[in-house]
C-alpha atoms as a PDB file:
ATOM      1  CA  MET A   1      -0.446  -0.993  -7.390  1.00  0.00           C
ATOM      2  CA  THR A   2      -0.331  -2.926  -4.864  1.00  0.00           C
ATOM      3  CA  LEU A   3      -0.803  -2.172  -0.198  1.00  0.00           C
ATOM      4  CA  VAL A   4       1.550  -4.821   1.655  1.00  0.00           C
ATOM      5  CA  SER A   5      -0.334  -5.099   4.597  1.00  0.00           C
ATOM      6  CA  ARG A   6      -1.218  -6.860   8.180  1.00  0.00           C
ATOM      7  CA  VAL A   7      -4.133  -8.070  10.109  1.00  0.00           C
ATOM      8  CA  ASP A   8      -5.116  -6.333  12.743  1.00  0.00           C
ATOM      9  CA  CYS A   9      -3.246  -2.692  11.801  1.00  0.00           C
ATOM     10  CA  HIS A  10      -4.023   0.866  12.115  1.00  0.00           C
ATOM     11  CA  ALA A  11      -1.576   2.177   9.823  1.00  0.00           C
ATOM     12  CA  CYS A  12      -2.602  -0.328   7.007  1.00  0.00           C
ATOM     13  CA  GLU A  13      -6.418   0.722   7.766  1.00  0.00           C
ATOM     14  CA  GLN A  14      -6.193   3.747   7.159  1.00  0.00           C
ATOM     15  CA  ALA A  15      -3.669   3.799   3.844  1.00  0.00           C
ATOM     16  CA  ARG A  16      -6.508   0.878   3.012  1.00  0.00           C
ATOM     17  CA  ALA A  17      -8.957   3.565   3.086  1.00  0.00           C
ATOM     18  CA  ASP A  18      -6.761   6.309   1.408  1.00  0.00           C
ATOM     19  CA  LEU A  19      -5.642   4.024  -1.090  1.00  0.00           C
ATOM     20  CA  GLU A  20      -9.599   3.351  -1.860  1.00  0.00           C
ATOM     21  CA  ARG A  21     -10.574   6.427  -1.997  1.00  0.00           C
ATOM     22  CA  ILE A  22      -7.735   8.469  -4.356  1.00  0.00           C
ATOM     23  CA  CYS A  23      -7.616   4.868  -6.295  1.00  0.00           C
ATOM     24  CA  GLY A  24     -11.496   5.193  -6.872  1.00  0.00           C
ATOM     25  CA  GLU A  25     -11.408   8.300  -7.776  1.00  0.00           C
ATOM     26  CA  LEU A  26      -8.780   8.217 -10.087  1.00  0.00           C
ATOM     27  CA  GLU A  27     -10.143   4.501 -11.421  1.00  0.00           C
ATOM     28  CA  VAL A  28      -7.082   3.115 -10.825  1.00  0.00           C
ATOM     29  CA  PRO A  29      -6.832  -1.538  -9.846  1.00  0.00           C
ATOM     30  CA  TRP A  30      -5.098  -2.042  -6.849  1.00  0.00           C
ATOM     31  CA  ASP A  31      -5.144  -5.365  -4.319  1.00  0.00           C
ATOM     32  CA  VAL A  32      -3.799  -5.963  -0.538  1.00  0.00           C
ATOM     33  CA  GLN A  33      -0.908  -8.221  -0.013  1.00  0.00           C
ATOM     34  CA  ASP A  34      -0.376  -9.719   3.832  1.00  0.00           C
ATOM     35  CA  VAL A  35       2.766  -9.902   4.371  1.00  0.00           C
ATOM     36  CA  ASP A  36       2.370 -11.858   7.394  1.00  0.00           C
ATOM     37  CA  SER A  37       1.389 -14.789   4.421  1.00  0.00           C
ATOM     38  CA  ASP A  38       4.417 -14.204   2.082  1.00  0.00           C
ATOM     39  CA  ARG A  39       7.831 -15.618   3.649  1.00  0.00           C
ATOM     40  CA  GLU A  40       9.454 -12.894   0.553  1.00  0.00           C
ATOM     41  CA  LEU A  41       7.190  -9.748   1.070  1.00  0.00           C
ATOM     42  CA  ARG A  42       7.636 -10.612   5.126  1.00  0.00           C
ATOM     43  CA  ALA A  43      11.872 -10.657   4.847  1.00  0.00           C
ATOM     44  CA  GLU A  44      11.303  -7.566   2.885  1.00  0.00           C
ATOM     45  CA  TYR A  45       9.105  -5.799   4.443  1.00  0.00           C
ATOM     46  CA  GLY A  46       8.836  -7.192   8.258  1.00  0.00           C
ATOM     47  CA  ASP A  47       7.371  -4.163  10.225  1.00  0.00           C
ATOM     48  CA  ARG A  48       7.520  -1.405   8.187  1.00  0.00           C
ATOM     49  CA  VAL A  49       4.031  -1.426   6.901  1.00  0.00           C
ATOM     50  CA  PRO A  50       1.827  -0.212   5.174  1.00  0.00           C
ATOM     51  CA  VAL A  51       4.234  -0.303   1.827  1.00  0.00           C
ATOM     52  CA  ILE A  52       2.896   0.792  -0.847  1.00  0.00           C
ATOM     53  CA  LEU A  53       3.878  -0.530  -4.334  1.00  0.00           C
ATOM     54  CA  VAL A  54       3.312   1.110  -8.172  1.00  0.00           C
ATOM     55  CA  ASP A  55       4.488  -0.958 -10.888  1.00  0.00           C
ATOM     56  CA  GLY A  56       5.735  -3.568  -8.286  1.00  0.00           C
ATOM     57  CA  ALA A  57       8.106  -1.096  -7.187  1.00  0.00           C
ATOM     58  CA  GLU A  58       8.379   0.569  -3.323  1.00  0.00           C
ATOM     59  CA  HIS A  59       6.494   3.815  -3.439  1.00  0.00           C
ATOM     60  CA  GLY A  60       6.153   4.901  -0.128  1.00  0.00           C
ATOM     61  CA  TYR A  61       5.793   3.090   3.538  1.00  0.00           C
ATOM     62  CA  TRP A  62       3.771   3.530   7.185  1.00  0.00           C
ATOM     63  CA  SER A  63       1.087   6.538   5.840  1.00  0.00           C
ATOM     64  CA  VAL A  64       0.077   7.862   1.826  1.00  0.00           C
ATOM     65  CA  GLU A  65       1.590  10.994   0.794  1.00  0.00           C
ATOM     66  CA  GLU A  66      -1.383  11.184  -1.555  1.00  0.00           C
ATOM     67  CA  ASP A  67      -0.441  14.163  -3.813  1.00  0.00           C
ATOM     68  CA  ARG A  68       2.840  12.138  -4.430  1.00  0.00           C
ATOM     69  CA  LEU A  69       1.004   9.234  -5.184  1.00  0.00           C
ATOM     70  CA  ARG A  70      -2.042  10.914  -7.352  1.00  0.00           C
ATOM     71  CA  ALA A  71       1.513  12.672  -9.873  1.00  0.00           C
ATOM     72  CA  ALA A  72       2.906   8.439  -9.368  1.00  0.00           C
ATOM     73  CA  LEU A  73      -0.731   7.413 -10.945  1.00  0.00           C
ATOM     74  CA  ALA A  74      -1.559   9.757 -13.012  1.00  0.00           C
END
């Protein structure tokens, strides 16, 4: 699982905190990619961050839908 994020983004910080908690509870590994350091990510997601990718596919953006995410990770 990947969080596509940006520095100094309040929504990204909230999504990161949510993912730390949820993935920690479920013992699911995850990482963070900075949208501004990758041309392809910036072209794809631009200002639509945070974006959550599950198995490389877009799962959601702007906020974490906890029940939906837990179901996708189960």
